[in-house]
C-alpha atoms as a PDB file:
ATOM      1  CA  MET A   1     -18.155  31.952 -97.881  1.00  0.00           C
ATOM      2  CA  ILE A   2     -14.628  30.374 -98.390  1.00  0.00           C
ATOM      3  CA  CYS A   3     -16.616  28.914-101.747  1.00  0.00           C
ATOM      4  CA  GLN A   4     -16.790  32.889-103.325  1.00  0.00           C
ATOM      5  CA  PHE A   5     -13.367  33.577-103.409  1.00  0.00           C
ATOM      6  CA  GLN A   6     -12.189  34.887-106.762  1.00  0.00           C
ATOM      7  CA  GLU A   7      -8.874  32.585-106.665  1.00  0.00           C
ATOM      8  CA  PRO A   8      -9.434  30.030-104.436  1.00  0.00           C
ATOM      9  CA  LYS A   9      -5.905  28.115-105.796  1.00  0.00           C
ATOM     10  CA  LYS A  10      -4.440  30.966-104.863  1.00  0.00           C
ATOM     11  CA  PHE A  11      -5.617  30.919-101.185  1.00  0.00           C
ATOM     12  CA  ALA A  12      -4.655  27.545-100.802  1.00  0.00           C
ATOM     13  CA  VAL A  13      -1.144  28.016-101.944  1.00  0.00           C
ATOM     14  CA  ASP A  14      -0.868  31.038 -99.763  1.00  0.00           C
ATOM     15  CA  LEU A  15      -2.196  29.270 -96.502  1.00  0.00           C
ATOM     16  CA  LEU A  16       0.044  26.733 -97.377  1.00  0.00           C
ATOM     17  CA  GLY A  17       3.117  29.254 -97.767  1.00  0.00           C
ATOM     18  CA  PHE A  18       2.041  30.681 -93.992  1.00  0.00           C
ATOM     19  CA  LEU A  19       2.190  26.811 -92.644  1.00  0.00           C
ATOM     20  CA  ASN A  20       5.225  25.984 -93.740  1.00  0.00           C
ATOM     21  CA  GLY A  21       6.665  28.983 -92.353  1.00  0.00           C
ATOM     22  CA  GLU A  22       4.953  28.083 -89.158  1.00  0.00           C
ATOM     23  CA  THR A  23       5.867  24.297 -89.069  1.00  0.00           C
ATOM     24  CA  GLN A  24       9.588  25.063 -87.791  1.00  0.00           C
ATOM     25  CA  TYR A  25       9.236  27.498 -85.420  1.00  0.00           C
ATOM     26  CA  LEU A  26       5.853  25.315 -83.665  1.00  0.00           C
ATOM     27  CA  TYR A  27       7.859  21.895 -83.648  1.00  0.00           C
ATOM     28  CA  SER A  28      10.913  24.386 -81.981  1.00  0.00           C
ATOM     29  CA  GLN A  29       8.581  25.666 -79.328  1.00  0.00           C
ATOM     30  CA  ILE A  30       6.735  22.768 -78.362  1.00  0.00           C
ATOM     31  CA  SER A  31      10.181  21.003 -78.032  1.00  0.00           C
ATOM     32  CA  LEU A  32      11.215  23.185 -75.693  1.00  0.00           C
ATOM     33  CA  ALA A  33       7.459  23.174 -73.836  1.00  0.00           C
ATOM     34  CA  ILE A  34       7.281  26.645 -74.320  1.00  0.00           C
ATOM     35  CA  GLN A  35       3.412  27.291 -74.297  1.00  0.00           C
ATOM     36  CA  THR A  36       3.346  29.714 -71.055  1.00  0.00           C
ATOM     37  CA  SER A  37       3.508  33.065 -72.882  1.00  0.00           C
ATOM     38  CA  ASP A  38       0.895  34.253 -75.201  1.00  0.00           C
ATOM     39  CA  THR A  39       3.034  34.687 -78.380  1.00  0.00           C
ATOM     40  CA  PRO A  40       3.222  30.874 -79.066  1.00  0.00           C
ATOM     41  CA  SER A  41       0.042  30.182 -78.137  1.00  0.00           C
ATOM     42  CA  GLU A  42      -1.204  32.790 -80.241  1.00  0.00           C
ATOM     43  CA  ARG A  43       0.867  31.137 -83.875  1.00  0.00           C
ATOM     44  CA  ILE A  44      -0.971  28.100 -82.464  1.00  0.00           C
ATOM     45  CA  GLN A  45      -3.862  29.268 -83.520  1.00  0.00           C
ATOM     46  CA  SER A  46      -2.947  31.327 -86.521  1.00  0.00           C
ATOM     47  CA  SER A  47      -2.082  28.083 -87.491  1.00  0.00           C
ATOM     48  CA  GLU A  48      -5.399  26.249 -86.822  1.00  0.00           C
ATOM     49  CA  MET A  49      -7.364  28.923 -88.042  1.00  0.00           C
ATOM     50  CA  ALA A  50      -4.963  28.318 -91.923  1.00  0.00           C
ATOM     51  CA  LEU A  51      -5.692  24.475 -91.528  1.00  0.00           C
ATOM     52  CA  GLU A  52      -9.491  25.159 -91.287  1.00  0.00           C
ATOM     53  CA  ALA A  53      -8.986  27.508 -93.671  1.00  0.00           C
ATOM     54  CA  LEU A  54      -7.428  25.201 -96.427  1.00  0.00           C
ATOM     55  CA  SER A  55      -9.695  22.622 -95.148  1.00  0.00           C
ATOM     56  CA  ASN A  56     -13.098  24.300 -95.949  1.00  0.00           C
ATOM     57  CA  VAL A  57     -10.727  25.779 -99.446  1.00  0.00           C
ATOM     58  CA  ILE A  58     -10.352  22.410-100.896  1.00  0.00           C
ATOM     59  CA  LYS A  59     -13.865  20.715-100.150  1.00  0.00           C
ATOM     60  CA  HIS A  60     -15.469  23.805-101.497  1.00  0.00           C
ATOM     61  CA  ASN A  61     -13.740  24.515-104.992  1.00  0.00           C
ATOM     62  CA  ARG A  62     -12.992  21.772-107.112  1.00  0.00           C
ATOM     63  CA  GLY A  63      -9.045  21.793-108.263  1.00  0.00           C
ATOM     64  CA  VAL A  64      -7.908  22.472-105.637  1.00  0.00           C
ATOM     65  CA  ASP A  65      -6.835  20.171-103.687  1.00  0.00           C
ATOM     66  CA  ILE A  66      -3.798  19.283-106.045  1.00  0.00           C
ATOM     67  CA  GLN A  67      -1.960  22.573-104.924  1.00  0.00           C
ATOM     68  CA  CYS A  68      -1.193  20.505-102.152  1.00  0.00           C
ATOM     69  CA  ILE A  69       1.302  18.170-104.206  1.00  0.00           C
ATOM     70  CA  GLY A  70       4.403  18.652-102.677  1.00  0.00           C
ATOM     71  CA  HIS A  71       3.629  19.610 -99.168  1.00  0.00           C
ATOM     72  CA  PHE A  72       2.519  17.111 -97.511  1.00  0.00           C
ATOM     73  CA  LYS A  73       5.359  16.174 -95.715  1.00  0.00           C
ATOM     74  CA  LEU A  74       4.640  19.278 -93.948  1.00  0.00           C
ATOM     75  CA  LEU A  75       0.668  18.044 -93.365  1.00  0.00           C
ATOM     76  CA  PHE A  76       1.676  15.112 -92.508  1.00  0.00           C
ATOM     77  CA  SER A  77       4.152  16.374 -89.749  1.00  0.00           C
ATOM     78  CA  LEU A  78       1.659  18.684 -88.392  1.00  0.00           C
ATOM     79  CA  LEU A  79       0.048  14.979 -87.360  1.00  0.00           C
ATOM     80  CA  ARG A  80       3.173  14.878 -85.094  1.00  0.00           C
ATOM     81  CA  LEU A  81       2.143  17.781 -83.516  1.00  0.00           C
ATOM     82  CA  ARG A  82       0.726  15.958 -79.860  1.00  0.00           C
ATOM     83  CA  ARG A  83       0.798  18.807 -77.649  1.00  0.00           C
ATOM     84  CA  CYS A  84      -1.680  20.576 -80.756  1.00  0.00           C
ATOM     85  CA  PRO A  85      -3.842  18.433 -81.073  1.00  0.00           C
ATOM     86  CA  LYS A  86      -6.544  21.598 -82.688  1.00  0.00           C
ATOM     87  CA  ILE A  87      -3.406  21.269 -85.250  1.00  0.00           C
ATOM     88  CA  GLN A  88      -3.672  17.380 -85.377  1.00  0.00           C
ATOM     89  CA  GLU A  89      -7.320  17.700 -85.680  1.00  0.00           C
ATOM     90  CA  MET A  90      -7.695  19.503 -88.765  1.00  0.00           C
ATOM     91  CA  ALA A  91      -4.438  18.450 -90.698  1.00  0.00           C
ATOM     92  CA  LEU A  92      -6.484  15.417 -90.205  1.00  0.00           C
ATOM     93  CA  GLN A  93      -9.246  17.282 -91.852  1.00  0.00           C
ATOM     94  CA  VAL A  94      -7.198  18.694 -95.330  1.00  0.00           C
ATOM     95  CA  LEU A  95      -5.963  15.230 -95.861  1.00  0.00           C
ATOM     96  CA  LEU A  96      -9.377  13.561 -95.943  1.00  0.00           C
ATOM     97  CA  ASN A  97     -10.582  16.444 -98.260  1.00  0.00           C
ATOM     98  CA  VAL A  98      -7.100  15.881-100.707  1.00  0.00           C
ATOM     99  CA  THR A  99      -7.795  12.285-100.706  1.00  0.00           C
ATOM    100  CA  GLY A 100     -10.501  11.946-104.023  1.00  0.00           C
ATOM    101  CA  SER A 101      -7.530  13.032-105.956  1.00  0.00           C
ATOM    102  CA  SER A 102      -5.256   9.762-107.359  1.00  0.00           C
ATOM    103  CA  GLU A 103      -2.703  12.339-108.285  1.00  0.00           C
ATOM    104  CA  CYS A 104      -2.543  13.485-104.129  1.00  0.00           C
ATOM    105  CA  VAL A 105      -2.903  10.018-103.587  1.00  0.00           C
ATOM    106  CA  ASP A 106      -0.390   9.374-105.724  1.00  0.00           C
ATOM    107  CA  ASP A 107       2.168  11.829-104.390  1.00  0.00           C
ATOM    108  CA  ILE A 108       1.434  10.932-100.646  1.00  0.00           C
ATOM    109  CA  ALA A 109       2.067   7.211-101.624  1.00  0.00           C
ATOM    110  CA  ALA A 110       5.715   9.105-103.020  1.00  0.00           C
ATOM    111  CA  ASN A 111       6.525  10.552 -99.905  1.00  0.00           C
ATOM    112  CA  LEU A 112       6.457   7.563 -97.180  1.00  0.00           C
ATOM    113  CA  VAL A 113       4.120  10.065 -94.697  1.00  0.00           C
ATOM    114  CA  LEU A 114       1.634   7.128 -93.843  1.00  0.00           C
ATOM    115  CA  VAL A 115       3.464   6.294 -90.435  1.00  0.00           C
ATOM    116  CA  ASN A 116       1.895   9.845 -88.970  1.00  0.00           C
ATOM    117  CA  VAL A 117      -1.132   8.491 -89.493  1.00  0.00           C
ATOM    118  CA  LEU A 118      -0.874   5.677 -87.266  1.00  0.00           C
ATOM    119  CA  HIS A 119       0.966   8.123 -85.067  1.00  0.00           C
ATOM    120  CA  VAL A 120      -2.247  10.156 -84.390  1.00  0.00           C
ATOM    121  CA  LEU A 121      -3.833   6.625 -83.844  1.00  0.00           C
ATOM    122  CA  TYR A 122      -2.035   6.742 -80.556  1.00  0.00           C
ATOM    123  CA  THR A 123      -2.168  10.391 -79.688  1.00  0.00           C
ATOM    124  CA  LEU A 124      -5.330  11.703 -80.420  1.00  0.00           C
ATOM    125  CA  PRO A 125      -7.904   8.982 -79.397  1.00  0.00           C
ATOM    126  CA  GLU A 126     -11.293  11.054 -79.862  1.00  0.00           C
ATOM    127  CA  HIS A 127     -10.176  11.701 -83.662  1.00  0.00           C
ATOM    128  CA  ARG A 128      -9.623   7.736 -84.347  1.00  0.00           C
ATOM    129  CA  SER A 129     -12.702   7.285 -86.602  1.00  0.00           C
ATOM    130  CA  VAL A 130     -11.314  10.472 -88.719  1.00  0.00           C
ATOM    131  CA  ALA A 131      -8.017   9.001 -89.275  1.00  0.00           C
ATOM    132  CA  LEU A 132      -9.166   5.543 -89.826  1.00  0.00           C
ATOM    133  CA  ASP A 133     -11.225   7.431 -92.939  1.00  0.00           C
ATOM    134  CA  LEU A 134      -8.079   8.653 -93.805  1.00  0.00           C
ATOM    135  CA  LEU A 135      -6.351   5.597 -93.447  1.00  0.00           C
ATOM    136  CA  HIS A 136      -9.713   3.989 -95.746  1.00  0.00           C
ATOM    137  CA  ALA A 137      -9.309   6.270 -98.153  1.00  0.00           C
ATOM    138  CA  MET A 138      -5.988   6.087 -98.854  1.00  0.00           C
ATOM    139  CA  SER A 139      -5.780   2.051 -98.870  1.00  0.00           C
ATOM    140  CA  GLY A 140      -6.505   1.831-102.632  1.00  0.00           C
ATOM    141  CA  GLU A 141      -2.867   2.307-102.979  1.00  0.00           C
ATOM    142  CA  THR A 142      -0.935  -0.604-103.110  1.00  0.00           C
ATOM    143  CA  LYS A 143       2.390   1.277-101.924  1.00  0.00           C
ATOM    144  CA  LEU A 144       0.308   3.235 -99.093  1.00  0.00           C
ATOM    145  CA  VAL A 145      -0.666  -0.730 -98.230  1.00  0.00           C
ATOM    146  CA  LYS A 146       3.188  -1.812 -98.389  1.00  0.00           C
ATOM    147  CA  GLU A 147       4.028   1.006 -96.037  1.00  0.00           C
ATOM    148  CA  CYS A 148       1.496   0.134 -93.315  1.00  0.00           C
ATOM    149  CA  LEU A 149       2.178  -3.975 -93.282  1.00  0.00           C
ATOM    150  CA  GLN A 150       6.278  -2.266 -93.032  1.00  0.00           C
ATOM    151  CA  TYR A 151       5.284  -0.032 -90.031  1.00  0.00           C
ATOM    152  CA  GLY A 152       3.145  -2.116 -88.105  1.00  0.00           C
ATOM    153  CA  GLY A 153       0.059  -0.917 -88.978  1.00  0.00           C
ATOM    154  CA  ILE A 154      -1.719  -4.751 -89.157  1.00  0.00           C
ATOM    155  CA  ILE A 155      -1.101  -4.799 -85.341  1.00  0.00           C
ATOM    156  CA  THR A 156      -2.444  -1.208 -84.414  1.00  0.00           C
ATOM    157  CA  LEU A 157      -5.892  -2.300 -86.768  1.00  0.00           C
ATOM    158  CA  VAL A 158      -5.753  -5.444 -84.907  1.00  0.00           C
ATOM    159  CA  TYR A 159      -5.311  -3.927 -81.360  1.00  0.00           C
ATOM    160  CA  LEU A 160      -7.904  -0.960 -81.976  1.00  0.00           C
ATOM    161  CA  PHE A 161     -10.464  -3.865 -83.385  1.00  0.00           C
ATOM    162  CA  CYS A 162      -9.931  -6.221 -80.222  1.00  0.00           C
ATOM    163  CA  ASN A 163      -9.983  -3.671 -77.282  1.00  0.00           C
ATOM    164  CA  SER A 164     -11.444   0.202 -78.415  1.00  0.00           C
ATOM    165  CA  GLN A 165     -15.043   1.039 -76.651  1.00  0.00           C
ATOM    166  CA  ASP A 166     -15.933   2.417 -79.473  1.00  0.00           C
ATOM    167  CA  GLN A 167     -18.323   0.390 -81.785  1.00  0.00           C
ATOM    168  CA  VAL A 168     -17.578   3.414 -84.732  1.00  0.00           C
ATOM    169  CA  VAL A 169     -13.517   2.604 -84.794  1.00  0.00           C
ATOM    170  CA  ARG A 170     -13.889  -1.112 -84.120  1.00  0.00           C
ATOM    171  CA  GLU A 171     -15.439  -1.322 -87.429  1.00  0.00           C
ATOM    172  CA  LYS A 172     -13.646   1.249 -88.916  1.00  0.00           C
ATOM    173  CA  SER A 173     -11.037  -0.996 -87.864  1.00  0.00           C
ATOM    174  CA  ALA A 174     -12.069  -3.876 -90.094  1.00  0.00           C
ATOM    175  CA  GLU A 175     -12.995  -1.982 -93.083  1.00  0.00           C
ATOM    176  CA  VAL A 176      -9.357  -0.511 -93.647  1.00  0.00           C
ATOM    177  CA  LEU A 177      -8.247  -4.628 -92.946  1.00  0.00           C
ATOM    178  CA  CYS A 178     -10.416  -5.833 -95.199  1.00  0.00           C
ATOM    179  CA  LYS A 179      -9.794  -3.137 -97.897  1.00  0.00           C
ATOM    180  CA  MET A 180      -6.187  -3.589 -97.310  1.00  0.00           C
ATOM    181  CA  SER A 181      -6.723  -7.237 -98.103  1.00  0.00           C
ATOM    182  CA  GLY A 182      -8.077  -7.314-101.229  1.00  0.00           C
ATOM    183  CA  ASP A 183      -4.945  -5.515-102.942  1.00  0.00           C
ATOM    184  CA  LYS A 184      -4.035  -7.162-105.404  1.00  0.00           C
ATOM    185  CA  LEU A 185      -0.128  -7.551-104.663  1.00  0.00           C
ATOM    186  CA  MET A 186       0.046  -6.563-100.894  1.00  0.00           C
ATOM    187  CA  GLY A 187      -3.068  -8.392-100.001  1.00  0.00           C
ATOM    188  CA  PRO A 188      -2.111 -11.836 -99.591  1.00  0.00           C
ATOM    189  CA  LYS A 189       0.950 -10.858 -97.238  1.00  0.00           C
ATOM    190  CA  VAL A 190      -2.235  -8.206 -95.206  1.00  0.00           C
ATOM    191  CA  ARG A 191      -3.910 -11.918 -94.787  1.00  0.00           C
ATOM    192  CA  ILE A 192      -0.871 -13.293 -93.267  1.00  0.00           C
ATOM    193  CA  ALA A 193      -0.298 -10.481 -91.046  1.00  0.00           C
ATOM    194  CA  VAL A 194      -3.888 -10.722 -89.194  1.00  0.00           C
ATOM    195  CA  SER A 195      -3.580 -14.222 -89.530  1.00  0.00           C
ATOM    196  CA  LYS A 196      -0.715 -14.297 -86.780  1.00  0.00           C
ATOM    197  CA  PHE A 197      -3.765 -12.678 -84.533  1.00  0.00           C
ATOM    198  CA  LEU A 198      -7.079 -13.807 -85.723  1.00  0.00           C
ATOM    199  CA  PRO A 199      -8.189 -17.136 -87.121  1.00  0.00           C
ATOM    200  CA  GLU A 200      -8.338 -16.301 -90.808  1.00  0.00           C
ATOM    201  CA  ILE A 201     -12.224 -16.941 -90.499  1.00  0.00           C
ATOM    202  CA  PHE A 202     -12.481 -13.474 -88.728  1.00  0.00           C
ATOM    203  CA  LEU A 203     -11.424 -11.875 -92.141  1.00  0.00           C
ATOM    204  CA  ASP A 204     -13.586 -13.483 -94.318  1.00  0.00           C
ATOM    205  CA  ALA A 205     -16.562 -12.432 -91.190  1.00  0.00           C
ATOM    206  CA  MET A 206     -15.327  -9.043 -91.664  1.00  0.00           C
ATOM    207  CA  LYS A 207     -15.938  -8.804 -95.535  1.00  0.00           C
ATOM    208  CA  LYS A 208     -19.099 -10.227 -95.409  1.00  0.00           C
ATOM    209  CA  SER A 209     -20.689  -8.322 -92.418  1.00  0.00           C
ATOM    210  CA  VAL A 210     -18.179  -5.634 -90.270  1.00  0.00           C
ATOM    211  CA  GLU A 211     -21.130  -5.841 -86.933  1.00  0.00           C
ATOM    212  CA  ALA A 212     -21.412 -10.031 -87.657  1.00  0.00           C
ATOM    213  CA  CYS A 213     -17.759  -9.823 -87.309  1.00  0.00           C
ATOM    214  CA  ILE A 214     -17.482  -8.453 -83.888  1.00  0.00           C
ATOM    215  CA  GLN A 215     -20.276 -10.444 -82.363  1.00  0.00           C
ATOM    216  CA  MET A 216     -18.544 -13.489 -84.065  1.00  0.00           C
ATOM    217  CA  PHE A 217     -15.663 -12.165 -82.033  1.00  0.00           C
ATOM    218  CA  GLU A 218     -17.509 -11.669 -78.739  1.00  0.00           C
ATOM    219  CA  GLY A 219     -19.094 -14.599 -78.818  1.00  0.00           C
ATOM    220  CA  CYS A 220     -17.603 -18.201 -77.536  1.00  0.00           C
ATOM    221  CA  HIS A 221     -17.516 -21.063 -80.761  1.00  0.00           C
ATOM    222  CA  GLU A 222     -16.601 -24.598 -80.997  1.00  0.00           C
ATOM    223  CA  ASN A 223     -16.741 -25.961 -84.662  1.00  0.00           C
ATOM    224  CA  PRO A 224     -13.963 -27.390 -86.912  1.00  0.00           C
ATOM    225  CA  GLU A 225     -14.347 -23.949 -88.594  1.00  0.00           C
ATOM    226  CA  LEU A 226     -13.753 -22.359 -85.172  1.00  0.00           C
ATOM    227  CA  ILE A 227     -12.733 -22.672 -81.782  1.00  0.00           C
ATOM    228  CA  TRP A 228     -13.118 -19.451 -80.272  1.00  0.00           C
ATOM    229  CA  ASN A 229     -13.645 -18.902 -76.545  1.00  0.00           C
ATOM    230  CA  ASP A 230     -13.687 -16.261 -73.514  1.00  0.00           C
ATOM    231  CA  ASP A 231      -9.330 -17.499 -73.218  1.00  0.00           C
ATOM    232  CA  SER A 232      -8.708 -17.098 -77.186  1.00  0.00           C
ATOM    233  CA  ARG A 233     -10.356 -13.392 -77.151  1.00  0.00           C
ATOM    234  CA  LYS A 234      -8.848 -12.458 -73.923  1.00  0.00           C
ATOM    235  CA  ARG A 235      -5.556 -13.440 -74.962  1.00  0.00           C
ATOM    236  CA  LEU A 236      -5.910 -11.809 -78.108  1.00  0.00           C
ATOM    237  CA  THR A 237      -6.781  -8.797 -76.120  1.00  0.00           C
ATOM    238  CA  ILE A 238      -3.844  -8.702 -73.777  1.00  0.00           C
ATOM    239  CA  VAL A 239      -1.216  -9.931 -76.899  1.00  0.00           C
ATOM    240  CA  SER A 240      -2.589  -7.196 -78.942  1.00  0.00           C
ATOM    241  CA  LYS A 241      -2.452  -4.389 -76.727  1.00  0.00           C
ATOM    242  CA  ARG A 242       1.368  -4.572 -75.584  1.00  0.00           C
ATOM    243  CA  LEU A 243       2.615  -5.070 -79.297  1.00  0.00           C
ATOM    244  CA  ALA A 244       0.983  -1.899 -80.564  1.00  0.00           C
ATOM    245  CA  GLU A 245       1.455  -0.183 -77.182  1.00  0.00           C
ATOM    246  CA  GLY A 246       4.909  -1.236 -77.169  1.00  0.00           C
END
């Protein structure tokens, strides 16, 4: 088992070195759509295995996560390899496993790479739940909340909350919005951004109970605090989808 390695940190460094050497090759092959020969397929599979091993060695060995510092541009860039969904999936797992380290989150914030997570929310729908877990884990850092705002992350989260057919994805989207809205510096701007689409009472409801908020969204209400009906819901669903996919 990976947890029995005598030198897990060195193993992680070696894996990162291997991935660094393979990434440029992967991008060149995929951009040229050359995936018919056995060699690209084998090298893609080797990168998948390296990412899986990296994810496991980080998960099972305390302190190994900080070996990723300085490599986050590389790891986040792998989220854009949409022709290699397994690589995207394993890169998400690696990144999720490092978010317990404040040093790693600080380095992620310094590299301006969060936009790649927003990208994978569109290109890897079957793993949106993991991507949202990653966003949630990083949303305690003000710089990352600001970056999410700058790159249209709020409309992406609103879109998923309104349109996803997956209840878990809807709930996790709401949880990320709630956490971001609680940021001391950027929280007010998040609330303003959300209120452009959803009445503020929805964000307040999210903080109390995400499930209840979804029920509120799906219902009809006519009172001084909220005027909300089938037409309101349909218009927001269409608008958020158009903006998010535009």
